[in-house]
Amino acid sequence: MDMLAGPRVPPGTYQVRLSVNGRTIMQRFELVKDPRVPASDADLREQYTWAKKAHDLLSRVHDEVLRIRDVRAQAEGWGGRVDTPAIKGAAATLARTLTTIEEALIQVRSEDPRMHPAKLNTRIGTMVTLIEYSDAAPTQALRELTDDLARRSEAELARLDRTLADDVARFNALCRDHGVAAIVPKPREGG
């Protein structure tokens, strides 16, 4: 399974909607379990719940890495364009803080996972695959590991939120004091 694909949905009734040029077509359909699969529908629903939890967390981590890169590029841009030592220093400090958070979330040093250790995003993506490996509810160990990765990711994302709220605000105040435009972080996806 591709770790970027969405989780498999459990048996049930679903609806698909297609909208083109202001016209919407909807169709209901029934997804049934392969009769050779011994897992109960409840087990498959639990599997989906945990796989979706991991998948949603992975998507969130990736979205936040894009925000990190955007803010860091803006800070580095201002640091490179101005001659004010205070702004240059603040830009470098902000960029280092953002890089530290990014490096906890993803492996930035290599495309080859054998060369450098996996980071949170790779581990979370692997959880989706492991949860869906068999047609059964996830084991207690998989649930605990998913929860642990979620806690660790949330800690880094909270650190990012504090950095964007506090450090960027201080940087922007410094820029305003020197008559320079400020950093404008992109809004969070869906919010």
N, C-alpha and C. Protein backbone atom coordinates (compact mmCIF):
# COMPACT_ATOMS: atom_id res chain seq x y z
N MET A 1 0.83 -1.18 0.00
CA MET A 1 0.00 0.00 0.00
C MET A 1 0.88 1.24 0.00
N ASP A 2 0.51 2.22 -0.80
CA ASP A 2 1.18 3.51 -0.82
C ASP A 2 0.81 4.26 0.45
N MET A 3 1.83 4.70 1.22
CA MET A 3 1.52 5.33 2.50
C MET A 3 0.84 6.67 2.34
N LEU A 4 0.78 7.22 1.15
CA LEU A 4 0.09 8.48 0.95
C LEU A 4 -1.35 8.29 0.50
N ALA A 5 -1.74 7.07 0.17
CA ALA A 5 -3.12 6.79 -0.18
C ALA A 5 -3.96 6.82 1.10
N GLY A 6 -5.23 7.09 0.95
CA GLY A 6 -6.10 7.10 2.11
C GLY A 6 -6.34 5.70 2.63
N PRO A 7 -6.80 5.60 3.87
CA PRO A 7 -7.07 4.28 4.44
C PRO A 7 -8.26 3.59 3.77
N ARG A 8 -8.22 2.26 3.81
CA ARG A 8 -9.33 1.48 3.26
C ARG A 8 -10.56 1.66 4.14
N VAL A 9 -11.69 1.87 3.52
CA VAL A 9 -12.92 2.05 4.29
C VAL A 9 -13.55 0.69 4.58
N PRO A 10 -14.27 0.59 5.69
CA PRO A 10 -14.92 -0.68 6.03
C PRO A 10 -16.20 -0.89 5.23
N PRO A 11 -16.73 -2.10 5.28
CA PRO A 11 -18.00 -2.36 4.60
C PRO A 11 -19.08 -1.39 5.09
N GLY A 12 -19.96 -1.02 4.19
CA GLY A 12 -21.05 -0.12 4.55
C GLY A 12 -21.63 0.53 3.31
N THR A 13 -22.59 1.43 3.54
CA THR A 13 -23.23 2.17 2.46
C THR A 13 -22.56 3.53 2.36
N TYR A 14 -22.16 3.88 1.15
CA TYR A 14 -21.47 5.14 0.91
C TYR A 14 -22.15 5.90 -0.22
N GLN A 15 -21.74 7.14 -0.37
CA GLN A 15 -22.27 7.97 -1.44
C GLN A 15 -21.10 8.68 -2.11
N VAL A 16 -21.10 8.68 -3.43
CA VAL A 16 -20.09 9.39 -4.19
C VAL A 16 -20.77 10.58 -4.88
N ARG A 17 -20.04 11.69 -4.95
CA ARG A 17 -20.60 12.90 -5.56
C ARG A 17 -19.60 13.45 -6.55
N LEU A 18 -20.09 13.79 -7.74
CA LEU A 18 -19.26 14.37 -8.78
C LEU A 18 -19.89 15.70 -9.18
N SER A 19 -19.09 16.78 -9.09
CA SER A 19 -19.57 18.10 -9.46
C SER A 19 -18.72 18.63 -10.61
N VAL A 20 -19.39 19.00 -11.70
CA VAL A 20 -18.72 19.54 -12.88
C VAL A 20 -19.59 20.66 -13.44
N ASN A 21 -18.97 21.83 -13.66
CA ASN A 21 -19.67 22.96 -14.26
C ASN A 21 -21.00 23.26 -13.58
N GLY A 22 -21.01 23.24 -12.27
CA GLY A 22 -22.22 23.58 -11.52
C GLY A 22 -23.25 22.46 -11.45
N ARG A 23 -22.98 21.34 -12.04
CA ARG A 23 -23.91 20.21 -12.01
C ARG A 23 -23.33 19.13 -11.11
N THR A 24 -24.16 18.59 -10.23
CA THR A 24 -23.73 17.57 -9.28
C THR A 24 -24.52 16.28 -9.51
N ILE A 25 -23.78 15.19 -9.55
CA ILE A 25 -24.40 13.87 -9.67
C ILE A 25 -23.98 13.07 -8.44
N MET A 26 -24.96 12.42 -7.82
CA MET A 26 -24.66 11.61 -6.64
C MET A 26 -25.14 10.18 -6.88
N GLN A 27 -24.39 9.26 -6.30
CA GLN A 27 -24.74 7.84 -6.44
C GLN A 27 -24.41 7.13 -5.13
N ARG A 28 -25.35 6.39 -4.62
CA ARG A 28 -25.11 5.57 -3.42
C ARG A 28 -24.61 4.20 -3.87
N PHE A 29 -23.79 3.59 -3.02
CA PHE A 29 -23.32 2.25 -3.31
C PHE A 29 -23.03 1.53 -2.00
N GLU A 30 -23.03 0.22 -2.11
CA GLU A 30 -22.77 -0.64 -0.96
C GLU A 30 -21.40 -1.28 -1.14
N LEU A 31 -20.57 -1.12 -0.13
CA LEU A 31 -19.26 -1.77 -0.13
C LEU A 31 -19.38 -3.00 0.78
N VAL A 32 -19.15 -4.17 0.20
CA VAL A 32 -19.30 -5.40 0.98
C VAL A 32 -17.94 -6.03 1.23
N LYS A 33 -17.88 -6.76 2.30
CA LYS A 33 -16.64 -7.43 2.69
C LYS A 33 -16.44 -8.68 1.83
N ASP A 34 -15.20 -8.91 1.50
CA ASP A 34 -14.83 -10.14 0.80
C ASP A 34 -15.25 -11.30 1.70
N PRO A 35 -16.03 -12.25 1.20
CA PRO A 35 -16.53 -13.35 2.04
C PRO A 35 -15.41 -14.24 2.59
N ARG A 36 -14.23 -14.16 2.02
CA ARG A 36 -13.11 -14.97 2.52
C ARG A 36 -12.43 -14.33 3.74
N VAL A 37 -12.78 -13.08 4.04
CA VAL A 37 -12.16 -12.36 5.16
C VAL A 37 -12.88 -12.75 6.44
N PRO A 38 -12.15 -13.33 7.40
CA PRO A 38 -12.80 -13.77 8.64
C PRO A 38 -13.08 -12.64 9.63
N ALA A 39 -12.52 -11.47 9.44
CA ALA A 39 -12.69 -10.36 10.39
C ALA A 39 -14.15 -9.90 10.40
N SER A 40 -14.59 -9.48 11.56
CA SER A 40 -15.94 -8.94 11.67
C SER A 40 -15.98 -7.52 11.11
N ASP A 41 -17.18 -7.06 10.82
CA ASP A 41 -17.31 -5.67 10.35
C ASP A 41 -16.81 -4.71 11.43
N ALA A 42 -17.04 -5.02 12.68
CA ALA A 42 -16.56 -4.17 13.77
C ALA A 42 -15.03 -4.09 13.77
N ASP A 43 -14.36 -5.22 13.53
CA ASP A 43 -12.90 -5.22 13.46
C ASP A 43 -12.41 -4.34 12.31
N LEU A 44 -13.10 -4.42 11.17
CA LEU A 44 -12.70 -3.63 10.02
C LEU A 44 -12.98 -2.15 10.25
N ARG A 45 -14.06 -1.82 10.97
CA ARG A 45 -14.33 -0.43 11.32
C ARG A 45 -13.25 0.10 12.27
N GLU A 46 -12.82 -0.74 13.22
CA GLU A 46 -11.75 -0.32 14.13
C GLU A 46 -10.44 -0.13 13.38
N GLN A 47 -10.17 -1.03 12.45
CA GLN A 47 -8.97 -0.89 11.63
C GLN A 47 -9.00 0.45 10.88
N TYR A 48 -10.14 0.77 10.29
CA TYR A 48 -10.28 2.03 9.56
C TYR A 48 -10.09 3.23 10.49
N THR A 49 -10.68 3.18 11.66
CA THR A 49 -10.56 4.29 12.61
C THR A 49 -9.10 4.58 12.93
N TRP A 50 -8.33 3.54 13.22
CA TRP A 50 -6.91 3.73 13.57
C TRP A 50 -6.07 4.13 12.36
N ALA A 51 -6.37 3.53 11.20
CA ALA A 51 -5.62 3.90 9.99
C ALA A 51 -5.92 5.35 9.62
N LYS A 52 -7.17 5.77 9.76
CA LYS A 52 -7.54 7.16 9.45
C LYS A 52 -6.89 8.11 10.44
N LYS A 53 -6.82 7.73 11.70
CA LYS A 53 -6.17 8.57 12.70
C LYS A 53 -4.71 8.81 12.29
N ALA A 54 -4.01 7.75 11.92
CA ALA A 54 -2.61 7.87 11.51
C ALA A 54 -2.49 8.66 10.21
N HIS A 55 -3.35 8.39 9.25
CA HIS A 55 -3.31 9.07 7.96
C HIS A 55 -3.58 10.57 8.13
N ASP A 56 -4.58 10.92 8.93
CA ASP A 56 -4.88 12.34 9.16
C ASP A 56 -3.72 13.05 9.85
N LEU A 57 -3.08 12.37 10.79
CA LEU A 57 -1.92 12.95 11.46
C LEU A 57 -0.79 13.16 10.46
N LEU A 58 -0.55 12.20 9.60
CA LEU A 58 0.48 12.33 8.58
C LEU A 58 0.20 13.52 7.67
N SER A 59 -1.03 13.67 7.24
CA SER A 59 -1.41 14.81 6.39
C SER A 59 -1.16 16.12 7.11
N ARG A 60 -1.51 16.16 8.39
CA ARG A 60 -1.32 17.38 9.17
C ARG A 60 0.17 17.71 9.31
N VAL A 61 0.98 16.70 9.59
CA VAL A 61 2.43 16.92 9.70
C VAL A 61 2.97 17.47 8.39
N HIS A 62 2.57 16.89 7.27
CA HIS A 62 3.05 17.36 5.97
C HIS A 62 2.59 18.80 5.69
N ASP A 63 1.34 19.12 6.02
CA ASP A 63 0.85 20.49 5.83
C ASP A 63 1.66 21.47 6.67
N GLU A 64 1.97 21.09 7.90
CA GLU A 64 2.72 21.99 8.77
C GLU A 64 4.17 22.15 8.32
N VAL A 65 4.74 21.12 7.73
CA VAL A 65 6.10 21.24 7.19
C VAL A 65 6.10 22.27 6.06
N LEU A 66 5.06 22.28 5.25
CA LEU A 66 4.96 23.30 4.20
C LEU A 66 4.89 24.70 4.79
N ARG A 67 4.15 24.85 5.90
CA ARG A 67 4.09 26.15 6.58
C ARG A 67 5.47 26.54 7.11
N ILE A 68 6.16 25.58 7.71
CA ILE A 68 7.51 25.85 8.22
C ILE A 68 8.39 26.38 7.10
N ARG A 69 8.37 25.71 5.98
CA ARG A 69 9.23 26.08 4.86
C ARG A 69 8.87 27.47 4.32
N ASP A 70 7.59 27.78 4.29
CA ASP A 70 7.17 29.09 3.82
C ASP A 70 7.66 30.20 4.75
N VAL A 71 7.45 30.04 6.05
CA VAL A 71 7.87 31.07 7.00
C VAL A 71 9.40 31.19 7.02
N ARG A 72 10.08 30.05 6.99
CA ARG A 72 11.54 30.10 7.00
C ARG A 72 12.07 30.81 5.75
N ALA A 73 11.47 30.54 4.60
CA ALA A 73 11.90 31.20 3.36
C ALA A 73 11.68 32.72 3.47
N GLN A 74 10.56 33.12 4.06
CA GLN A 74 10.31 34.55 4.24
C GLN A 74 11.35 35.17 5.18
N ALA A 75 11.63 34.49 6.29
CA ALA A 75 12.61 35.02 7.25
C ALA A 75 13.99 35.11 6.60
N GLU A 76 14.39 34.04 5.92
CA GLU A 76 15.70 34.04 5.26
C GLU A 76 15.75 35.11 4.17
N GLY A 77 14.63 35.33 3.50
CA GLY A 77 14.57 36.37 2.47
C GLY A 77 14.81 37.75 3.07
N TRP A 78 14.14 38.03 4.19
CA TRP A 78 14.36 39.32 4.84
C TRP A 78 15.77 39.42 5.38
N GLY A 79 16.27 38.36 5.93
CA GLY A 79 17.65 38.37 6.43
C GLY A 79 18.66 38.66 5.35
N GLY A 80 18.38 38.22 4.14
CA GLY A 80 19.29 38.44 3.03
C GLY A 80 19.12 39.78 2.34
N ARG A 81 17.95 40.41 2.52
CA ARG A 81 17.67 41.67 1.82
C ARG A 81 18.00 42.92 2.63
N VAL A 82 18.04 42.80 3.94
CA VAL A 82 18.25 44.00 4.76
C VAL A 82 19.68 44.06 5.29
N ASP A 83 20.08 45.27 5.62
CA ASP A 83 21.42 45.46 6.17
C ASP A 83 21.39 45.63 7.69
N THR A 84 20.23 45.51 8.30
CA THR A 84 20.10 45.70 9.73
C THR A 84 20.55 44.44 10.46
N PRO A 85 21.63 44.53 11.26
CA PRO A 85 22.13 43.34 11.97
C PRO A 85 21.09 42.68 12.87
N ALA A 86 20.23 43.47 13.50
CA ALA A 86 19.22 42.89 14.39
C ALA A 86 18.24 42.02 13.62
N ILE A 87 17.83 42.48 12.45
CA ILE A 87 16.89 41.70 11.63
C ILE A 87 17.60 40.47 11.06
N LYS A 88 18.83 40.63 10.60
CA LYS A 88 19.59 39.48 10.10
C LYS A 88 19.71 38.40 11.18
N GLY A 89 20.06 38.82 12.41
CA GLY A 89 20.21 37.87 13.51
C GLY A 89 18.90 37.21 13.89
N ALA A 90 17.84 38.02 13.95
CA ALA A 90 16.52 37.46 14.30
C ALA A 90 16.04 36.50 13.22
N ALA A 91 16.30 36.83 11.96
CA ALA A 91 15.91 35.95 10.86
C ALA A 91 16.64 34.62 10.94
N ALA A 92 17.94 34.68 11.23
CA ALA A 92 18.73 33.44 11.34
C ALA A 92 18.26 32.60 12.52
N THR A 93 17.96 33.24 13.63
CA THR A 93 17.47 32.51 14.81
C THR A 93 16.13 31.85 14.52
N LEU A 94 15.21 32.59 13.92
CA LEU A 94 13.90 32.05 13.57
C LEU A 94 14.06 30.88 12.60
N ALA A 95 14.90 31.02 11.60
CA ALA A 95 15.12 29.95 10.63
C ALA A 95 15.67 28.70 11.31
N ARG A 96 16.60 28.87 12.24
CA ARG A 96 17.16 27.71 12.96
C ARG A 96 16.09 27.02 13.80
N THR A 97 15.26 27.79 14.47
CA THR A 97 14.18 27.20 15.28
C THR A 97 13.24 26.40 14.40
N LEU A 98 12.85 26.97 13.28
CA LEU A 98 11.94 26.27 12.36
C LEU A 98 12.58 25.02 11.79
N THR A 99 13.87 25.09 11.48
CA THR A 99 14.58 23.92 10.95
C THR A 99 14.63 22.80 11.99
N THR A 100 14.84 23.16 13.24
CA THR A 100 14.87 22.15 14.30
C THR A 100 13.53 21.42 14.40
N ILE A 101 12.44 22.16 14.30
CA ILE A 101 11.11 21.54 14.35
C ILE A 101 10.90 20.67 13.11
N GLU A 102 11.25 21.19 11.95
CA GLU A 102 11.11 20.43 10.71
C GLU A 102 11.89 19.12 10.78
N GLU A 103 13.11 19.19 11.30
CA GLU A 103 13.94 17.99 11.38
C GLU A 103 13.40 16.95 12.35
N ALA A 104 12.59 17.36 13.31
CA ALA A 104 11.93 16.39 14.18
C ALA A 104 10.76 15.72 13.46
N LEU A 105 10.14 16.46 12.55
CA LEU A 105 8.96 15.95 11.85
C LEU A 105 9.31 15.11 10.63
N ILE A 106 10.33 15.53 9.86
CA ILE A 106 10.69 14.80 8.65
C ILE A 106 12.20 14.69 8.53
N GLN A 107 12.64 13.73 7.76
CA GLN A 107 14.06 13.55 7.49
C GLN A 107 14.42 14.47 6.32
N VAL A 108 15.22 15.48 6.60
CA VAL A 108 15.57 16.44 5.55
C VAL A 108 16.93 16.17 4.93
N ARG A 109 17.68 15.25 5.51
CA ARG A 109 19.05 15.03 5.08
C ARG A 109 19.19 14.07 3.90
N SER A 110 18.23 13.19 3.69
CA SER A 110 18.44 12.18 2.65
C SER A 110 17.11 11.59 2.20
N GLU A 111 17.05 11.28 0.94
CA GLU A 111 15.90 10.55 0.39
C GLU A 111 16.02 9.06 0.69
N ASP A 112 17.20 8.62 1.04
CA ASP A 112 17.45 7.20 1.30
C ASP A 112 17.34 6.93 2.79
N PRO A 113 16.28 6.25 3.24
CA PRO A 113 16.08 6.02 4.67
C PRO A 113 17.16 5.16 5.31
N ARG A 114 17.95 4.48 4.50
CA ARG A 114 19.03 3.67 5.07
C ARG A 114 20.20 4.53 5.53
N MET A 115 20.26 5.75 5.03
CA MET A 115 21.38 6.64 5.34
C MET A 115 21.16 7.43 6.62
N HIS A 116 19.91 7.76 6.94
CA HIS A 116 19.59 8.58 8.10
C HIS A 116 18.34 7.99 8.75
N PRO A 117 18.18 8.19 10.05
CA PRO A 117 17.03 7.60 10.74
C PRO A 117 15.69 8.19 10.29
N ALA A 118 14.67 7.37 10.33
CA ALA A 118 13.32 7.81 9.99
C ALA A 118 12.84 8.81 11.03
N LYS A 119 12.08 9.76 10.59
CA LYS A 119 11.50 10.77 11.48
C LYS A 119 10.01 10.49 11.64
N LEU A 120 9.32 11.38 12.33
CA LEU A 120 7.93 11.13 12.69
C LEU A 120 7.04 10.85 11.49
N ASN A 121 7.19 11.62 10.40
CA ASN A 121 6.28 11.40 9.27
C ASN A 121 6.42 10.00 8.67
N THR A 122 7.64 9.51 8.55
CA THR A 122 7.85 8.17 7.99
C THR A 122 7.29 7.11 8.93
N ARG A 123 7.49 7.30 10.20
CA ARG A 123 6.97 6.34 11.17
C ARG A 123 5.45 6.33 11.18
N ILE A 124 4.84 7.50 11.08
CA ILE A 124 3.37 7.57 11.05
C ILE A 124 2.85 6.90 9.77
N GLY A 125 3.48 7.19 8.63
CA GLY A 125 3.07 6.57 7.37
C GLY A 125 3.18 5.06 7.43
N THR A 126 4.22 4.59 8.09
CA THR A 126 4.39 3.14 8.25
C THR A 126 3.27 2.56 9.10
N MET A 127 2.77 3.34 10.06
CA MET A 127 1.68 2.84 10.90
C MET A 127 0.43 2.57 10.07
N VAL A 128 0.13 3.43 9.11
CA VAL A 128 -1.04 3.20 8.25
C VAL A 128 -0.88 1.85 7.56
N THR A 129 0.29 1.61 7.01
CA THR A 129 0.55 0.34 6.32
C THR A 129 0.44 -0.84 7.27
N LEU A 130 1.03 -0.73 8.45
CA LEU A 130 0.99 -1.84 9.41
C LEU A 130 -0.42 -2.11 9.91
N ILE A 131 -1.18 -1.06 10.15
CA ILE A 131 -2.55 -1.23 10.63
C ILE A 131 -3.38 -1.95 9.58
N GLU A 132 -3.15 -1.64 8.32
CA GLU A 132 -3.93 -2.24 7.24
C GLU A 132 -3.31 -3.51 6.67
N TYR A 133 -2.23 -3.97 7.26
CA TYR A 133 -1.53 -5.13 6.72
C TYR A 133 -2.41 -6.38 6.66
N SER A 134 -3.22 -6.55 7.66
CA SER A 134 -4.11 -7.73 7.66
C SER A 134 -5.55 -7.25 7.77
N ASP A 135 -6.46 -8.16 7.54
CA ASP A 135 -7.88 -7.85 7.68
C ASP A 135 -8.30 -8.15 9.11
N ALA A 136 -7.92 -7.25 10.01
CA ALA A 136 -8.23 -7.44 11.43
C ALA A 136 -8.12 -6.09 12.13
N ALA A 137 -8.67 -6.03 13.31
CA ALA A 137 -8.49 -4.84 14.13
C ALA A 137 -7.01 -4.71 14.46
N PRO A 138 -6.50 -3.50 14.63
CA PRO A 138 -5.09 -3.36 14.97
C PRO A 138 -4.79 -3.93 16.35
N THR A 139 -3.59 -4.42 16.51
CA THR A 139 -3.19 -4.96 17.80
C THR A 139 -3.05 -3.83 18.82
N GLN A 140 -3.00 -4.19 20.08
CA GLN A 140 -2.80 -3.21 21.13
C GLN A 140 -1.47 -2.48 20.94
N ALA A 141 -0.44 -3.20 20.54
CA ALA A 141 0.87 -2.59 20.31
C ALA A 141 0.80 -1.53 19.20
N LEU A 142 0.09 -1.81 18.12
CA LEU A 142 -0.05 -0.83 17.04
C LEU A 142 -0.83 0.39 17.51
N ARG A 143 -1.87 0.17 18.30
CA ARG A 143 -2.65 1.30 18.82
C ARG A 143 -1.79 2.15 19.74
N GLU A 144 -1.01 1.51 20.59
CA GLU A 144 -0.15 2.26 21.52
C GLU A 144 0.93 3.02 20.77
N LEU A 145 1.51 2.40 19.76
CA LEU A 145 2.55 3.07 18.99
C LEU A 145 1.97 4.26 18.21
N THR A 146 0.78 4.09 17.65
CA THR A 146 0.11 5.18 16.94
C THR A 146 -0.15 6.34 17.91
N ASP A 147 -0.63 6.03 19.10
CA ASP A 147 -0.87 7.07 20.10
C ASP A 147 0.43 7.77 20.50
N ASP A 148 1.50 7.00 20.65
CA ASP A 148 2.79 7.58 21.02
C ASP A 148 3.30 8.51 19.92
N LEU A 149 3.20 8.08 18.68
CA LEU A 149 3.63 8.93 17.58
C LEU A 149 2.76 10.19 17.49
N ALA A 150 1.47 10.04 17.79
CA ALA A 150 0.58 11.21 17.79
C ALA A 150 1.00 12.18 18.89
N ARG A 151 1.30 11.68 20.08
CA ARG A 151 1.74 12.56 21.19
C ARG A 151 3.03 13.29 20.82
N ARG A 152 3.97 12.57 20.26
CA ARG A 152 5.25 13.18 19.89
C ARG A 152 5.07 14.21 18.78
N SER A 153 4.22 13.90 17.81
CA SER A 153 3.95 14.85 16.72
C SER A 153 3.24 16.08 17.26
N GLU A 154 2.26 15.87 18.11
CA GLU A 154 1.51 16.99 18.68
C GLU A 154 2.42 17.91 19.48
N ALA A 155 3.41 17.35 20.16
CA ALA A 155 4.36 18.17 20.91
C ALA A 155 5.15 19.07 19.96
N GLU A 156 5.60 18.51 18.84
CA GLU A 156 6.33 19.31 17.86
C GLU A 156 5.43 20.34 17.19
N LEU A 157 4.19 19.96 16.91
CA LEU A 157 3.26 20.89 16.28
C LEU A 157 2.88 22.01 17.24
N ALA A 158 2.79 21.70 18.53
CA ALA A 158 2.54 22.74 19.53
C ALA A 158 3.74 23.69 19.60
N ARG A 159 4.93 23.13 19.52
CA ARG A 159 6.15 23.95 19.50
C ARG A 159 6.15 24.87 18.27
N LEU A 160 5.70 24.34 17.14
CA LEU A 160 5.58 25.16 15.94
C LEU A 160 4.56 26.27 16.15
N ASP A 161 3.41 25.94 16.72
CA ASP A 161 2.39 26.96 16.97
C ASP A 161 2.94 28.08 17.85
N ARG A 162 3.68 27.71 18.89
CA ARG A 162 4.28 28.73 19.78
C ARG A 162 5.28 29.58 19.01
N THR A 163 6.08 28.93 18.17
CA THR A 163 7.07 29.67 17.37
C THR A 163 6.38 30.64 16.42
N LEU A 164 5.34 30.18 15.74
CA LEU A 164 4.63 31.04 14.80
C LEU A 164 3.92 32.18 15.54
N ALA A 165 3.41 31.91 16.72
CA ALA A 165 2.71 32.94 17.48
C ALA A 165 3.68 33.92 18.14
N ASP A 166 4.71 33.40 18.78
CA ASP A 166 5.60 34.25 19.58
C ASP A 166 6.81 34.75 18.80
N ASP A 167 7.59 33.84 18.25
CA ASP A 167 8.84 34.23 17.59
C ASP A 167 8.58 35.05 16.31
N VAL A 168 7.59 34.65 15.55
CA VAL A 168 7.27 35.41 14.34
C VAL A 168 6.73 36.79 14.73
N ALA A 169 5.92 36.85 15.78
CA ALA A 169 5.41 38.15 16.24
C ALA A 169 6.57 39.07 16.66
N ARG A 170 7.54 38.52 17.38
CA ARG A 170 8.70 39.33 17.78
C ARG A 170 9.50 39.77 16.55
N PHE A 171 9.70 38.85 15.61
CA PHE A 171 10.42 39.19 14.39
C PHE A 171 9.68 40.30 13.63
N ASN A 172 8.35 40.15 13.51
CA ASN A 172 7.56 41.15 12.80
C ASN A 172 7.61 42.50 13.50
N ALA A 173 7.60 42.51 14.84
CA ALA A 173 7.70 43.77 15.58
C ALA A 173 9.05 44.43 15.31
N LEU A 174 10.10 43.63 15.30
CA LEU A 174 11.44 44.15 14.99
C LEU A 174 11.47 44.73 13.58
N CYS A 175 10.87 44.04 12.65
CA CYS A 175 10.82 44.53 11.27
C CYS A 175 10.05 45.86 11.20
N ARG A 176 8.90 45.92 11.86
CA ARG A 176 8.12 47.16 11.84
C ARG A 176 8.92 48.31 12.44
N ASP A 177 9.66 48.04 13.52
CA ASP A 177 10.49 49.07 14.15
C ASP A 177 11.54 49.61 13.19
N HIS A 178 11.93 48.81 12.21
CA HIS A 178 12.95 49.22 11.24
C HIS A 178 12.34 49.55 9.87
N GLY A 179 11.02 49.64 9.82
CA GLY A 179 10.35 50.03 8.58
C GLY A 179 10.39 48.99 7.49
N VAL A 180 10.44 47.72 7.87
CA VAL A 180 10.51 46.62 6.91
C VAL A 180 9.22 45.80 7.00
N ALA A 181 8.73 45.31 5.87
CA ALA A 181 7.53 44.47 5.86
C ALA A 181 7.74 43.22 6.73
N ALA A 182 6.66 42.63 7.14
CA ALA A 182 6.73 41.50 8.06
C ALA A 182 6.45 40.17 7.36
N ILE A 183 6.70 39.10 8.11
CA ILE A 183 6.40 37.74 7.66
C ILE A 183 4.89 37.52 7.77
N VAL A 184 4.33 36.89 6.76
CA VAL A 184 2.91 36.54 6.79
C VAL A 184 2.79 35.05 6.61
N PRO A 185 2.64 34.28 7.72
CA PRO A 185 2.48 32.83 7.57
C PRO A 185 1.19 32.50 6.83
N LYS A 186 1.26 31.50 5.98
CA LYS A 186 0.06 31.02 5.31
C LYS A 186 -0.89 30.47 6.37
N PRO A 187 -2.18 30.65 6.15
CA PRO A 187 -3.12 30.08 7.11
C PRO A 187 -3.07 28.55 7.06
N ARG A 188 -3.41 27.94 8.18
CA ARG A 188 -3.45 26.48 8.27
C ARG A 188 -4.50 25.97 7.30
N GLU A 189 -4.19 24.85 6.65
CA GLU A 189 -5.12 24.22 5.71
C GLU A 189 -6.44 23.95 6.42
N GLY A 190 -7.55 24.31 5.75
CA GLY A 190 -8.87 24.02 6.30
C GLY A 190 -9.23 24.90 7.47
N GLY A 191 -8.44 25.91 7.81
CA GLY A 191 -8.76 26.72 8.97
C GLY A 191 -8.35 28.05 8.80
